[in-house]
Amino acid sequence: MNPNVNLKKETPTEGDAKRDIEKLSKELLKQEKQQKKQNVKEQKKQEREGRKQQNKERSSLLAKGRYRHAEPGTRSVKPPSPTKHLHKISSIPRLSQVKKEKEN
């Protein structure tokens, strides 16, 4: 047997180096994809949390009656007062008053 033949098999060839480079580049691309996917996932999570926070704030403002559907920078309109039309109701005579007037 020729000892040079065995040595030739053990040394890395040009094809092995190319395969190693391809393998490393595939791993790198895979890692980049995973990182990008993770970033997108994190961004969506932050957006969801922001929307949840906004909804909580709106709900609390609605509960307090302070939320207006006006655009920022525009004049907000106050909701109508629940006692605004009470003067009309108080001017209507009650049934007991009407009966007394008829008797007199």
Protein backbone atom coordinates (compact mmCIF):
# COMPACT_ATOMS: atom_id res chain seq x y z
CA MET A 1 0.00 0.00 0.00
CA ASN A 2 1.03 3.45 -0.74
CA PRO A 3 1.05 5.73 2.35
CA ASN A 4 0.31 8.86 0.25
CA VAL A 5 -3.18 7.58 -0.62
CA ASN A 6 -4.25 7.51 3.04
CA LEU A 7 -2.90 10.99 3.69
CA LYS A 8 -4.77 12.38 0.71
CA LYS A 9 -8.12 11.19 2.12
CA GLU A 10 -7.53 12.84 5.49
CA THR A 11 -6.67 16.29 4.20
CA PRO A 12 -9.58 18.59 3.47
CA THR A 13 -10.19 19.17 -0.20
CA GLU A 14 -11.46 22.16 -2.02
CA GLY A 15 -14.92 20.57 -2.20
CA ASP A 16 -14.99 20.14 1.57
CA ALA A 17 -14.17 23.82 2.05
CA LYS A 18 -16.96 24.83 -0.34
CA ARG A 19 -19.42 22.59 1.51
CA ASP A 20 -18.34 24.09 4.82
CA ILE A 21 -18.81 27.61 3.46
CA GLU A 22 -22.25 26.73 2.08
CA LYS A 23 -23.23 25.12 5.36
CA LEU A 24 -22.12 28.15 7.36
CA SER A 25 -23.88 30.57 5.01
CA LYS A 26 -27.10 28.53 5.30
CA GLU A 27 -26.83 28.58 9.08
CA LEU A 28 -26.25 32.33 9.01
CA LEU A 29 -29.29 32.89 6.76
CA LYS A 30 -31.37 30.69 9.04
CA GLN A 31 -30.28 32.69 12.08
CA GLU A 32 -31.04 35.97 10.31
CA LYS A 33 -34.52 34.72 9.38
CA GLN A 34 -35.16 33.63 12.95
CA GLN A 35 -33.97 37.00 14.27
CA LYS A 36 -36.18 38.87 11.80
CA LYS A 37 -39.15 36.67 12.72
CA GLN A 38 -38.50 37.30 16.41
CA ASN A 39 -38.28 41.07 15.82
CA VAL A 40 -41.59 41.08 13.93
CA LYS A 41 -43.18 39.02 16.69
CA GLU A 42 -41.89 41.40 19.35
CA GLN A 43 -43.10 44.44 17.39
CA LYS A 44 -46.59 42.96 17.04
CA LYS A 45 -46.63 42.19 20.75
CA GLN A 46 -45.70 45.79 21.58
CA GLU A 47 -48.41 47.09 19.24
CA ARG A 48 -50.96 44.82 20.91
CA GLU A 49 -49.92 46.03 24.34
CA GLY A 50 -50.17 49.64 23.17
CA ARG A 51 -53.69 49.08 21.84
CA LYS A 52 -54.68 47.36 25.09
CA GLN A 53 -53.37 50.33 27.07
CA GLN A 54 -55.24 52.78 24.83
CA ASN A 55 -58.44 50.81 25.24
CA LYS A 56 -58.02 50.78 29.02
CA GLU A 57 -57.53 54.55 29.03
CA ARG A 58 -60.56 55.09 26.79
CA SER A 59 -62.69 52.82 28.94
CA SER A 60 -61.74 54.66 32.09
CA LEU A 61 -62.41 58.02 30.43
CA LEU A 62 -65.75 56.79 29.13
CA ALA A 63 -66.65 55.60 32.60
CA LYS A 64 -65.82 59.05 33.93
CA GLY A 65 -67.70 60.71 31.06
CA ARG A 66 -64.71 62.67 29.84
CA TYR A 67 -63.96 60.97 26.55
CA ARG A 68 -64.77 62.89 23.38
CA HIS A 69 -64.67 61.53 19.87
CA ALA A 70 -63.07 64.72 18.56
CA GLU A 71 -59.84 64.80 16.62
CA PRO A 72 -56.75 66.15 18.35
CA GLY A 73 -56.44 69.88 17.92
CA THR A 74 -60.15 70.40 17.33
CA ARG A 75 -62.62 71.80 19.76
CA SER A 76 -64.36 69.11 21.72
CA VAL A 77 -68.09 69.31 22.25
CA LYS A 78 -69.55 68.76 25.67
CA PRO A 79 -72.25 66.11 25.94
CA PRO A 80 -75.75 67.45 26.61
CA SER A 81 -76.56 67.95 30.24
CA PRO A 82 -79.08 65.46 31.63
CA THR A 83 -80.78 68.30 33.55
CA LYS A 84 -80.98 70.65 30.56
CA HIS A 85 -84.65 69.99 29.85
CA LEU A 86 -85.81 69.83 33.45
CA HIS A 87 -87.21 73.37 33.28
CA LYS A 88 -89.71 72.16 30.67
CA ILE A 89 -90.76 69.24 32.83
CA SER A 90 -91.19 71.41 35.92
CA SER A 91 -93.47 73.80 34.01
CA ILE A 92 -95.96 70.98 33.33
CA PRO A 93 -98.60 71.02 36.06
CA ARG A 94 -99.05 67.90 38.10
CA LEU A 95 -102.31 66.03 38.13
CA SER A 96 -102.98 66.97 41.74
CA GLN A 97 -102.52 70.65 40.89
CA VAL A 98 -104.91 70.37 37.96
CA LYS A 99 -107.61 68.74 40.14
CA LYS A 100 -107.27 71.47 42.77
CA GLU A 101 -107.63 74.17 40.14
CA LYS A 102 -110.78 72.52 38.73
CA GLU A 103 -112.31 72.31 42.19
CA ASN A 104 -111.71 76.01 42.81
